[in-house]
Amino acid sequence: MFAKLTMLILGLGLLAALLLVNRQRRYEIVGETVRLHAEIQQLQRAIQERKVRVTEATKPAELEAMKNGLSEQWKSIGDRTQLFDQLEGLEVEKTTFVDPGMELGG
């Protein structure tokens, strides 16, 4: 009888310890979730602030005028040398285009 009572008490103690461990893990997970949620909100605020800055820095009328003025060039790249000839009068730094079909090392 004493052995059964001892085993019952030890079993209940073990069960209580496991429940405490489980509760502690749950608290840690909730804390991590709260931390990640706060970080997500901070990043979303930063994104929103940057969107506002971009909106303040751009003027729709100027963008529309630029789009209308460059509409021919925006359709396709076409002949790259012709594109460079068109940009010759502008103060634009020329870049080298790499043809994906070009073989390397040759």
PDB file of N, CA and C in Angstrom:
ATOM      1  N   MET A   1       0.816  -1.192   0.000  1.00  0.00           N
ATOM      2  CA  MET A   1       0.000   0.000   0.000  1.00  0.00           C
ATOM      3  C   MET A   1       0.865   1.264   0.000  1.00  0.00           C
ATOM      4  N   PHE A   2       1.909   1.240   0.807  1.00  0.00           N
ATOM      5  CA  PHE A   2       2.815   2.384   0.861  1.00  0.00           C
ATOM      6  C   PHE A   2       3.512   2.605  -0.496  1.00  0.00           C
ATOM      7  N   ALA A   3       3.873   1.518  -1.172  1.00  0.00           N
ATOM      8  CA  ALA A   3       4.545   1.611  -2.473  1.00  0.00           C
ATOM      9  C   ALA A   3       3.610   2.225  -3.510  1.00  0.00           C
ATOM     10  N   LYS A   4       2.337   1.822  -3.479  1.00  0.00           N
ATOM     11  CA  LYS A   4       1.369   2.369  -4.431  1.00  0.00           C
ATOM     12  C   LYS A   4       1.157   3.866  -4.187  1.00  0.00           C
ATOM     13  N   LEU A   5       1.040   4.254  -2.949  1.00  0.00           N
ATOM     14  CA  LEU A   5       0.863   5.657  -2.614  1.00  0.00           C
ATOM     15  C   LEU A   5       2.089   6.485  -3.026  1.00  0.00           C
ATOM     16  N   THR A   6       3.266   5.947  -2.795  1.00  0.00           N
ATOM     17  CA  THR A   6       4.512   6.619  -3.204  1.00  0.00           C
ATOM     18  C   THR A   6       4.561   6.779  -4.721  1.00  0.00           C
ATOM     19  N   MET A   7       4.202   5.719  -5.448  1.00  0.00           N
ATOM     20  CA  MET A   7       4.202   5.780  -6.917  1.00  0.00           C
ATOM     21  C   MET A   7       3.172   6.807  -7.414  1.00  0.00           C
ATOM     22  N   LEU A   8       2.008   6.857  -6.752  1.00  0.00           N
ATOM     23  CA  LEU A   8       0.978   7.818  -7.129  1.00  0.00           C
ATOM     24  C   LEU A   8       1.471   9.252  -6.922  1.00  0.00           C
ATOM     25  N   ILE A   9       2.104   9.499  -5.787  1.00  0.00           N
ATOM     26  CA  ILE A   9       2.625  10.845  -5.501  1.00  0.00           C
ATOM     27  C   ILE A   9       3.733  11.213  -6.485  1.00  0.00           C
ATOM     28  N   LEU A  10       4.639  10.270  -6.750  1.00  0.00           N
ATOM     29  CA  LEU A  10       5.708  10.544  -7.731  1.00  0.00           C
ATOM     30  C   LEU A  10       5.146  10.772  -9.129  1.00  0.00           C
ATOM     31  N   GLY A  11       4.143   9.994  -9.505  1.00  0.00           N
ATOM     32  CA  GLY A  11       3.502  10.170 -10.816  1.00  0.00           C
ATOM     33  C   GLY A  11       2.838  11.526 -10.945  1.00  0.00           C
ATOM     34  N   LEU A  12       2.121  11.943  -9.914  1.00  0.00           N
ATOM     35  CA  LEU A  12       1.483  13.265  -9.929  1.00  0.00           C
ATOM     36  C   LEU A  12       2.531  14.380  -9.947  1.00  0.00           C
ATOM     37  N   GLY A  13       3.616  14.187  -9.223  1.00  0.00           N
ATOM     38  CA  GLY A  13       4.700  15.180  -9.246  1.00  0.00           C
ATOM     39  C   GLY A  13       5.321  15.289 -10.628  1.00  0.00           C
ATOM     40  N   LEU A  14       5.527  14.136 -11.274  1.00  0.00           N
ATOM     41  CA  LEU A  14       6.072  14.144 -12.638  1.00  0.00           C
ATOM     42  C   LEU A  14       5.101  14.812 -13.604  1.00  0.00           C
ATOM     43  N   LEU A  15       3.828  14.527 -13.474  1.00  0.00           N
ATOM     44  CA  LEU A  15       2.808  15.145 -14.324  1.00  0.00           C
ATOM     45  C   LEU A  15       2.776  16.660 -14.124  1.00  0.00           C
ATOM     46  N   ALA A  16       2.857  17.093 -12.874  1.00  0.00           N
ATOM     47  CA  ALA A  16       2.863  18.529 -12.580  1.00  0.00           C
ATOM     48  C   ALA A  16       4.105  19.189 -13.189  1.00  0.00           C
ATOM     49  N   ALA A  17       5.257  18.525 -13.097  1.00  0.00           N
ATOM     50  CA  ALA A  17       6.486  19.079 -13.676  1.00  0.00           C
ATOM     51  C   ALA A  17       6.364  19.195 -15.191  1.00  0.00           C
ATOM     52  N   LEU A  18       5.796  18.175 -15.840  1.00  0.00           N
ATOM     53  CA  LEU A  18       5.621  18.221 -17.305  1.00  0.00           C
ATOM     54  C   LEU A  18       4.656  19.328 -17.711  1.00  0.00           C
ATOM     55  N   LEU A  19       3.611  19.519 -16.931  1.00  0.00           N
ATOM     56  CA  LEU A  19       2.671  20.605 -17.228  1.00  0.00           C
ATOM     57  C   LEU A  19       3.335  21.972 -17.078  1.00  0.00           C
ATOM     58  N   LEU A  20       4.195  22.114 -16.088  1.00  0.00           N
ATOM     59  CA  LEU A  20       4.923  23.378 -15.919  1.00  0.00           C
ATOM     60  C   LEU A  20       5.871  23.637 -17.090  1.00  0.00           C
ATOM     61  N   VAL A  21       6.537  22.593 -17.567  1.00  0.00           N
ATOM     62  CA  VAL A  21       7.430  22.741 -18.726  1.00  0.00           C
ATOM     63  C   VAL A  21       6.622  23.141 -19.956  1.00  0.00           C
ATOM     64  N   ASN A  22       5.475  22.486 -20.122  1.00  0.00           N
ATOM     65  CA  ASN A  22       4.618  22.798 -21.267  1.00  0.00           C
ATOM     66  C   ASN A  22       4.137  24.247 -21.211  1.00  0.00           C
ATOM     67  N   ARG A  23       3.743  24.715 -20.037  1.00  0.00           N
ATOM     68  CA  ARG A  23       3.284  26.093 -19.879  1.00  0.00           C
ATOM     69  C   ARG A  23       4.416  27.083 -20.160  1.00  0.00           C
ATOM     70  N   GLN A  24       5.622  26.758 -19.688  1.00  0.00           N
ATOM     71  CA  GLN A  24       6.771  27.636 -19.931  1.00  0.00           C
ATOM     72  C   GLN A  24       7.055  27.749 -21.430  1.00  0.00           C
ATOM     73  N   ARG A  25       6.983  26.641 -22.129  1.00  0.00           N
ATOM     74  CA  ARG A  25       7.197  26.672 -23.594  1.00  0.00           C
ATOM     75  C   ARG A  25       6.143  27.537 -24.274  1.00  0.00           C
ATOM     76  N   ARG A  26       4.906  27.401 -23.819  1.00  0.00           N
ATOM     77  CA  ARG A  26       3.837  28.211 -24.397  1.00  0.00           C
ATOM     78  C   ARG A  26       4.097  29.703 -24.174  1.00  0.00           C
ATOM     79  N   TYR A  27       4.543  30.075 -22.976  1.00  0.00           N
ATOM     80  CA  TYR A  27       4.882  31.475 -22.692  1.00  0.00           C
ATOM     81  C   TYR A  27       6.014  31.961 -23.599  1.00  0.00           C
ATOM     82  N   GLU A  28       7.007  31.123 -23.813  1.00  0.00           N
ATOM     83  CA  GLU A  28       8.116  31.504 -24.690  1.00  0.00           C
ATOM     84  C   GLU A  28       7.648  31.709 -26.123  1.00  0.00           C
ATOM     85  N   ILE A  29       6.755  30.847 -26.589  1.00  0.00           N
ATOM     86  CA  ILE A  29       6.227  30.968 -27.950  1.00  0.00           C
ATOM     87  C   ILE A  29       5.397  32.238 -28.083  1.00  0.00           C
ATOM     88  N   VAL A  30       4.571  32.526 -27.080  1.00  0.00           N
ATOM     89  CA  VAL A  30       3.764  33.754 -27.121  1.00  0.00           C
ATOM     90  C   VAL A  30       4.669  34.980 -27.114  1.00  0.00           C
ATOM     91  N   GLY A  31       5.716  34.961 -26.301  1.00  0.00           N
ATOM     92  CA  GLY A  31       6.655  36.084 -26.277  1.00  0.00           C
ATOM     93  C   GLY A  31       7.351  36.280 -27.620  1.00  0.00           C
ATOM     94  N   GLU A  32       7.754  35.192 -28.238  1.00  0.00           N
ATOM     95  CA  GLU A  32       8.390  35.276 -29.564  1.00  0.00           C
ATOM     96  C   GLU A  32       7.404  35.799 -30.610  1.00  0.00           C
ATOM     97  N   THR A  33       6.156  35.344 -30.519  1.00  0.00           N
ATOM     98  CA  THR A  33       5.130  35.816 -31.453  1.00  0.00           C
ATOM     99  C   THR A  33       4.905  37.316 -31.304  1.00  0.00           C
ATOM    100  N   VAL A  34       4.835  37.787 -30.074  1.00  0.00           N
ATOM    101  CA  VAL A  34       4.644  39.221 -29.822  1.00  0.00           C
ATOM    102  C   VAL A  34       5.830  40.012 -30.368  1.00  0.00           C
ATOM    103  N   ARG A  35       7.038  39.516 -30.136  1.00  0.00           N
ATOM    104  CA  ARG A  35       8.234  40.200 -30.633  1.00  0.00           C
ATOM    105  C   ARG A  35       8.227  40.278 -32.156  1.00  0.00           C
ATOM    106  N   LEU A  36       7.896  39.155 -32.820  1.00  0.00           N
ATOM    107  CA  LEU A  36       7.855  39.140 -34.284  1.00  0.00           C
ATOM    108  C   LEU A  36       6.748  40.041 -34.819  1.00  0.00           C
ATOM    109  N   HIS A  37       5.613  40.064 -34.131  1.00  0.00           N
ATOM    110  CA  HIS A  37       4.518  40.932 -34.555  1.00  0.00           C
ATOM    111  C   HIS A  37       4.929  42.405 -34.476  1.00  0.00           C
ATOM    112  N   ALA A  38       5.609  42.768 -33.401  1.00  0.00           N
ATOM    113  CA  ALA A  38       6.080  44.149 -33.263  1.00  0.00           C
ATOM    114  C   ALA A  38       7.099  44.486 -34.350  1.00  0.00           C
ATOM    115  N   GLU A  39       7.972  43.541 -34.670  1.00  0.00           N
ATOM    116  CA  GLU A  39       8.965  43.768 -35.729  1.00  0.00           C
ATOM    117  C   GLU A  39       8.282  43.932 -37.081  1.00  0.00           C
ATOM    118  N   ILE A  40       7.269  43.129 -37.342  1.00  0.00           N
ATOM    119  CA  ILE A  40       6.519  43.238 -38.604  1.00  0.00           C
ATOM    120  C   ILE A  40       5.844  44.601 -38.694  1.00  0.00           C
ATOM    121  N   GLN A  41       5.241  45.045 -37.608  1.00  0.00           N
ATOM    122  CA  GLN A  41       4.594  46.360 -37.614  1.00  0.00           C
ATOM    123  C   GLN A  41       5.607  47.471 -37.849  1.00  0.00           C
ATOM    124  N   GLN A  42       6.775  47.361 -37.244  1.00  0.00           N
ATOM    125  CA  GLN A  42       7.814  48.365 -37.444  1.00  0.00           C
ATOM    126  C   GLN A  42       8.256  48.393 -38.907  1.00  0.00           C
ATOM    127  N   LEU A  43       8.437  47.227 -39.506  1.00  0.00           N
ATOM    128  CA  LEU A  43       8.831  47.174 -40.918  1.00  0.00           C
ATOM    129  C   LEU A  43       7.738  47.718 -41.827  1.00  0.00           C
ATOM    130  N   GLN A  44       6.483  47.432 -41.493  1.00  0.00           N
ATOM    131  CA  GLN A  44       5.379  47.967 -42.298  1.00  0.00           C
ATOM    132  C   GLN A  44       5.310  49.491 -42.195  1.00  0.00           C
ATOM    133  N   ARG A  45       5.568  50.027 -41.000  1.00  0.00           N
ATOM    134  CA  ARG A  45       5.611  51.493 -40.852  1.00  0.00           C
ATOM    135  C   ARG A  45       6.749  52.083 -41.674  1.00  0.00           C
ATOM    136  N   ALA A  46       7.909  51.428 -41.682  1.00  0.00           N
ATOM    137  CA  ALA A  46       9.050  51.922 -42.462  1.00  0.00           C
ATOM    138  C   ALA A  46       8.725  51.899 -43.952  1.00  0.00           C
ATOM    139  N   ILE A  47       8.072  50.840 -44.406  1.00  0.00           N
ATOM    140  CA  ILE A  47       7.681  50.763 -45.812  1.00  0.00           C
ATOM    141  C   ILE A  47       6.702  51.875 -46.149  1.00  0.00           C
ATOM    142  N   GLN A  48       5.733  52.095 -45.267  1.00  0.00           N
ATOM    143  CA  GLN A  48       4.752  53.154 -45.507  1.00  0.00           C
ATOM    144  C   GLN A  48       5.417  54.530 -45.545  1.00  0.00           C
ATOM    145  N   GLU A  49       6.366  54.771 -44.649  1.00  0.00           N
ATOM    146  CA  GLU A  49       7.075  56.054 -44.654  1.00  0.00           C
ATOM    147  C   GLU A  49       7.847  56.248 -45.955  1.00  0.00           C
ATOM    148  N   ARG A  50       8.471  55.189 -46.441  1.00  0.00           N
ATOM    149  CA  ARG A  50       9.208  55.284 -47.705  1.00  0.00           C
ATOM    150  C   ARG A  50       8.263  55.526 -48.878  1.00  0.00           C
ATOM    151  N   LYS A  51       7.104  54.904 -48.849  1.00  0.00           N
ATOM    152  CA  LYS A  51       6.114  55.147 -49.907  1.00  0.00           C
ATOM    153  C   LYS A  51       5.690  56.616 -49.904  1.00  0.00           C
ATOM    154  N   VAL A  52       5.506  57.162 -48.702  1.00  0.00           N
ATOM    155  CA  VAL A  52       5.110  58.570 -48.598  1.00  0.00           C
ATOM    156  C   VAL A  52       6.221  59.462 -49.145  1.00  0.00           C
ATOM    157  N   ARG A  53       7.474  59.153 -48.809  1.00  0.00           N
ATOM    158  CA  ARG A  53       8.598  59.956 -49.325  1.00  0.00           C
ATOM    159  C   ARG A  53       8.675  59.908 -50.839  1.00  0.00           C
ATOM    160  N   VAL A  54       8.474  58.732 -51.419  1.00  0.00           N
ATOM    161  CA  VAL A  54       8.507  58.597 -52.878  1.00  0.00           C
ATOM    162  C   VAL A  54       7.363  59.398 -53.488  1.00  0.00           C
ATOM    163  N   THR A  55       6.186  59.320 -52.873  1.00  0.00           N
ATOM    164  CA  THR A  55       5.038  60.060 -53.381  1.00  0.00           C
ATOM    165  C   THR A  55       5.271  61.567 -53.298  1.00  0.00           C
ATOM    166  N   GLU A  56       5.884  62.012 -52.218  1.00  0.00           N
ATOM    167  CA  GLU A  56       6.162  63.439 -52.079  1.00  0.00           C
ATOM    168  C   GLU A  56       7.229  63.900 -53.073  1.00  0.00           C
ATOM    169  N   ALA A  57       8.173  63.035 -53.391  1.00  0.00           N
ATOM    170  CA  ALA A  57       9.281  63.414 -54.274  1.00  0.00           C
ATOM    171  C   ALA A  57       8.900  63.393 -55.749  1.00  0.00           C
ATOM    172  N   THR A  58       7.845  62.700 -56.108  1.00  0.00           N
ATOM    173  CA  THR A  58       7.454  62.615 -57.521  1.00  0.00           C
ATOM    174  C   THR A  58       6.243  63.487 -57.780  1.00  0.00           C
ATOM    175  N   LYS A  59       6.234  64.082 -58.944  1.00  0.00           N
ATOM    176  CA  LYS A  59       5.116  64.913 -59.355  1.00  0.00           C
ATOM    177  C   LYS A  59       4.462  64.239 -60.556  1.00  0.00           C
ATOM    178  N   PRO A  60       3.188  63.923 -60.475  1.00  0.00           N
ATOM    179  CA  PRO A  60       2.519  63.180 -61.545  1.00  0.00           C
ATOM    180  C   PRO A  60       2.630  63.840 -62.916  1.00  0.00           C
ATOM    181  N   ALA A  61       2.560  65.142 -62.971  1.00  0.00           N
ATOM    182  CA  ALA A  61       2.638  65.828 -64.267  1.00  0.00           C
ATOM    183  C   ALA A  61       4.012  65.618 -64.905  1.00  0.00           C
ATOM    184  N   GLU A  62       5.062  65.693 -64.119  1.00  0.00           N
ATOM    185  CA  GLU A  62       6.407  65.479 -64.652  1.00  0.00           C
ATOM    186  C   GLU A  62       6.594  64.041 -65.112  1.00  0.00           C
ATOM    187  N   LEU A  63       6.099  63.095 -64.344  1.00  0.00           N
ATOM    188  CA  LEU A  63       6.211  61.691 -64.740  1.00  0.00           C
ATOM    189  C   LEU A  63       5.457  61.420 -66.030  1.00  0.00           C
ATOM    190  N   GLU A  64       4.283  61.989 -66.159  1.00  0.00           N
ATOM    191  CA  GLU A  64       3.496  61.802 -67.383  1.00  0.00           C
ATOM    192  C   GLU A  64       4.208  62.413 -68.581  1.00  0.00           C
ATOM    193  N   ALA A  65       4.805  63.591 -68.396  1.00  0.00           N
ATOM    194  CA  ALA A  65       5.548  64.229 -69.487  1.00  0.00           C
ATOM    195  C   ALA A  65       6.767  63.394 -69.875  1.00  0.00           C
ATOM    196  N   MET A  66       7.459  62.863 -68.883  1.00  0.00           N
ATOM    197  CA  MET A  66       8.609  62.010 -69.184  1.00  0.00           C
ATOM    198  C   MET A  66       8.176  60.743 -69.909  1.00  0.00           C
ATOM    199  N   LYS A  67       7.078  60.163 -69.466  1.00  0.00           N
ATOM    200  CA  LYS A  67       6.586  58.940 -70.094  1.00  0.00           C
ATOM    201  C   LYS A  67       6.183  59.200 -71.536  1.00  0.00           C
ATOM    202  N   ASN A  68       5.497  60.321 -71.779  1.00  0.00           N
ATOM    203  CA  ASN A  68       5.080  60.648 -73.146  1.00  0.00           C
ATOM    204  C   ASN A  68       6.281  60.960 -74.035  1.00  0.00           C
ATOM    205  N   GLY A  69       7.274  61.618 -73.473  1.00  0.00           N
ATOM    206  CA  GLY A  69       8.454  61.969 -74.262  1.00  0.00           C
ATOM    207  C   GLY A  69       9.334  60.776 -74.580  1.00  0.00           C
ATOM    208  N   LEU A  70       9.322  59.769 -73.762  1.00  0.00           N
ATOM    209  CA  LEU A  70      10.186  58.604 -73.955  1.00  0.00           C
ATOM    210  C   LEU A  70       9.410  57.366 -74.390  1.00  0.00           C
ATOM    211  N   SER A  71       8.166  57.535 -74.806  1.00  0.00           N
ATOM    212  CA  SER A  71       7.336  56.370 -75.092  1.00  0.00           C
ATOM    213  C   SER A  71       7.921  55.497 -76.196  1.00  0.00           C
ATOM    214  N   GLU A  72       8.547  56.106 -77.207  1.00  0.00           N
ATOM    215  CA  GLU A  72       9.147  55.306 -78.276  1.00  0.00           C
ATOM    216  C   GLU A  72      10.295  54.466 -77.757  1.00  0.00           C
ATOM    217  N   GLN A  73      11.090  55.018 -76.862  1.00  0.00           N
ATOM    218  CA  GLN A  73      12.232  54.276 -76.345  1.00  0.00           C
ATOM    219  C   GLN A  73      11.800  53.184 -75.368  1.00  0.00           C
ATOM    220  N   TRP A  74      10.643  53.345 -74.741  1.00  0.00           N
ATOM    221  CA  TRP A  74      10.215  52.366 -73.747  1.00  0.00           C
ATOM    222  C   TRP A  74       9.534  51.152 -74.363  1.00  0.00           C
ATOM    223  N   LYS A  75       9.182  51.209 -75.662  1.00  0.00           N
ATOM    224  CA  LYS A  75       8.497  50.077 -76.266  1.00  0.00           C
ATOM    225  C   LYS A  75       9.396  48.844 -76.303  1.00  0.00           C
ATOM    226  N   SER A  76      10.608  49.002 -76.789  1.00  0.00           N
ATOM    227  CA  SER A  76      11.575  47.906 -76.783  1.00  0.00           C
ATOM    228  C   SER A  76      12.958  48.502 -76.943  1.00  0.00           C
ATOM    229  N   ILE A  77      13.957  47.728 -76.603  1.00  0.00           N
ATOM    230  CA  ILE A  77      15.325  48.222 -76.729  1.00  0.00           C
ATOM    231  C   ILE A  77      15.708  48.332 -78.196  1.00  0.00           C
ATOM    232  N   GLY A  78      15.296  47.352 -78.988  1.00  0.00           N
ATOM    233  CA  GLY A  78      15.588  47.403 -80.412  1.00  0.00           C
ATOM    234  C   GLY A  78      17.078  47.328 -80.673  1.00  0.00           C
ATOM    235  N   ASP A  79      17.519  48.074 -81.701  1.00  0.00           N
ATOM    236  CA  ASP A  79      18.932  48.095 -82.047  1.00  0.00           C
ATOM    237  C   ASP A  79      19.686  48.910 -81.004  1.00  0.00           C
ATOM    238  N   ARG A  80      20.612  48.278 -80.317  1.00  0.00           N
ATOM    239  CA  ARG A  80      21.304  48.946 -79.211  1.00  0.00           C
ATOM    240  C   ARG A  80      22.182  50.100 -79.702  1.00  0.00           C
ATOM    241  N   THR A  81      22.787  49.968 -80.862  1.00  0.00           N
ATOM    242  CA  THR A  81      23.623  51.061 -81.368  1.00  0.00           C
ATOM    243  C   THR A  81      22.753  52.258 -81.719  1.00  0.00           C
ATOM    244  N   GLN A  82      21.562  52.026 -82.226  1.00  0.00           N
ATOM    245  CA  GLN A  82      20.644  53.123 -82.531  1.00  0.00           C
ATOM    246  C   GLN A  82      20.230  53.824 -81.234  1.00  0.00           C
ATOM    247  N   LEU A  83      19.997  53.045 -80.197  1.00  0.00           N
ATOM    248  CA  LEU A  83      19.646  53.633 -78.905  1.00  0.00           C
ATOM    249  C   LEU A  83      20.781  54.513 -78.385  1.00  0.00           C
ATOM    250  N   PHE A  84      22.033  54.048 -78.522  1.00  0.00           N
ATOM    251  CA  PHE A  84      23.175  54.850 -78.089  1.00  0.00           C
ATOM    252  C   PHE A  84      23.297  56.112 -78.941  1.00  0.00           C
ATOM    253  N   ASP A  85      22.996  56.016 -80.226  1.00  0.00           N
ATOM    254  CA  ASP A  85      23.052  57.211 -81.082  1.00  0.00           C
ATOM    255  C   ASP A  85      22.019  58.239 -80.648  1.00  0.00           C
ATOM    256  N   GLN A  86      20.853  57.784 -80.238  1.00  0.00           N
ATOM    257  CA  GLN A  86      19.818  58.702 -79.768  1.00  0.00           C
ATOM    258  C   GLN A  86      20.233  59.366 -78.459  1.00  0.00           C
ATOM    259  N   LEU A  87      20.980  58.651 -77.629  1.00  0.00           N
ATOM    260  CA  LEU A  87      21.409  59.183 -76.344  1.00  0.00           C
ATOM    261  C   LEU A  87      22.702  59.994 -76.454  1.00  0.00           C
ATOM    262  N   GLU A  88      23.281  60.045 -77.649  1.00  0.00           N
ATOM    263  CA  GLU A  88      24.573  60.717 -77.834  1.00  0.00           C
ATOM    264  C   GLU A  88      24.510  62.180 -77.387  1.00  0.00           C
ATOM    265  N   GLY A  89      23.451  62.876 -77.713  1.00  0.00           N
ATOM    266  CA  GLY A  89      23.343  64.286 -77.368  1.00  0.00           C
ATOM    267  C   GLY A  89      23.070  64.512 -75.892  1.00  0.00           C
ATOM    268  N   LEU A  90      22.521  63.524 -75.219  1.00  0.00           N
ATOM    269  CA  LEU A  90      22.217  63.669 -73.804  1.00  0.00           C
ATOM    270  C   LEU A  90      23.454  63.387 -72.973  1.00  0.00           C
ATOM    271  N   GLU A  91      23.483  63.955 -71.799  1.00  0.00           N
ATOM    272  CA  GLU A  91      24.608  63.701 -70.912  1.00  0.00           C
ATOM    273  C   GLU A  91      24.293  62.469 -70.076  1.00  0.00           C
ATOM    274  N   VAL A  92      24.440  61.319 -70.725  1.00  0.00           N
ATOM    275  CA  VAL A  92      24.164  60.050 -70.078  1.00  0.00           C
ATOM    276  C   VAL A  92      25.405  59.185 -70.210  1.00  0.00           C
ATOM    277  N   GLU A  93      25.765  58.556 -69.146  1.00  0.00           N
ATOM    278  CA  GLU A  93      26.921  57.671 -69.171  1.00  0.00           C
ATOM    279  C   GLU A  93      26.533  56.391 -69.915  1.00  0.00           C
ATOM    280  N   LYS A  94      27.329  56.041 -70.935  1.00  0.00           N
ATOM    281  CA  LYS A  94      27.028  54.842 -71.704  1.00  0.00           C
ATOM    282  C   LYS A  94      27.381  53.612 -70.886  1.00  0.00           C
ATOM    283  N   THR A  95      26.571  52.589 -71.066  1.00  0.00           N
ATOM    284  CA  THR A  95      26.840  51.324 -70.403  1.00  0.00           C
ATOM    285  C   THR A  95      27.007  50.240 -71.451  1.00  0.00           C
ATOM    286  N   THR A  96      27.626  49.180 -71.084  1.00  0.00           N
ATOM    287  CA  THR A  96      27.828  48.067 -71.998  1.00  0.00           C
ATOM    288  C   THR A  96      26.737  47.041 -71.742  1.00  0.00           C
ATOM    289  N   PHE A  97      26.022  46.696 -72.782  1.00  0.00           N
ATOM    290  CA  PHE A  97      24.992  45.674 -72.669  1.00  0.00           C
ATOM    291  C   PHE A  97      25.614  44.323 -72.959  1.00  0.00           C
ATOM    292  N   VAL A  98      25.221  43.336 -72.200  1.00  0.00           N
ATOM    293  CA  VAL A  98      25.711  41.980 -72.416  1.00  0.00           C
ATOM    294  C   VAL A  98      24.596  41.195 -73.062  1.00  0.00           C
ATOM    295  N   ASP A  99      24.883  40.617 -74.228  1.00  0.00           N
ATOM    296  CA  ASP A  99      23.906  39.811 -74.938  1.00  0.00           C
ATOM    297  C   ASP A  99      23.895  38.429 -74.300  1.00  0.00           C
ATOM    298  N   PRO A 100      22.759  37.952 -73.783  1.00  0.00           N
ATOM    299  CA  PRO A 100      22.729  36.656 -73.133  1.00  0.00           C
ATOM    300  C   PRO A 100      23.092  35.506 -74.073  1.00  0.00           C
ATOM    301  N   GLY A 101      22.883  35.706 -75.380  1.00  0.00           N
ATOM    302  CA  GLY A 101      23.184  34.658 -76.348  1.00  0.00           C
ATOM    303  C   GLY A 101      24.659  34.629 -76.748  1.00  0.00           C
ATOM    304  N   MET A 102      25.417  35.639 -76.312  1.00  0.00           N
ATOM    305  CA  MET A 102      26.818  35.729 -76.694  1.00  0.00           C
ATOM    306  C   MET A 102      27.654  34.686 -75.958  1.00  0.00           C
ATOM    307  N   GLU A 103      28.561  34.039 -76.690  1.00  0.00           N
ATOM    308  CA  GLU A 103      29.428  33.056 -76.056  1.00  0.00           C
ATOM    309  C   GLU A 103      30.529  33.759 -75.285  1.00  0.00           C
ATOM    310  N   LEU A 104      30.858  33.230 -74.120  1.00  0.00           N
ATOM    311  CA  LEU A 104      31.890  33.815 -73.282  1.00  0.00           C
ATOM    312  C   LEU A 104      33.246  33.263 -73.657  1.00  0.00           C
ATOM    313  N   GLY A 105      34.263  34.057 -73.455  1.00  0.00           N
ATOM    314  CA  GLY A 105      35.642  33.609 -73.664  1.00  0.00           C
ATOM    315  C   GLY A 105      36.069  33.622 -75.105  1.00  0.00           C
ATOM    316  N   GLY A 106      35.269  34.124 -76.005  1.00  0.00           N
ATOM    317  CA  GLY A 106      35.620  34.069 -77.422  1.00  0.00           C
ATOM    318  C   GLY A 106      35.855  35.396 -77.931  1.00  0.00           C
TER     319      GLY A 106
END
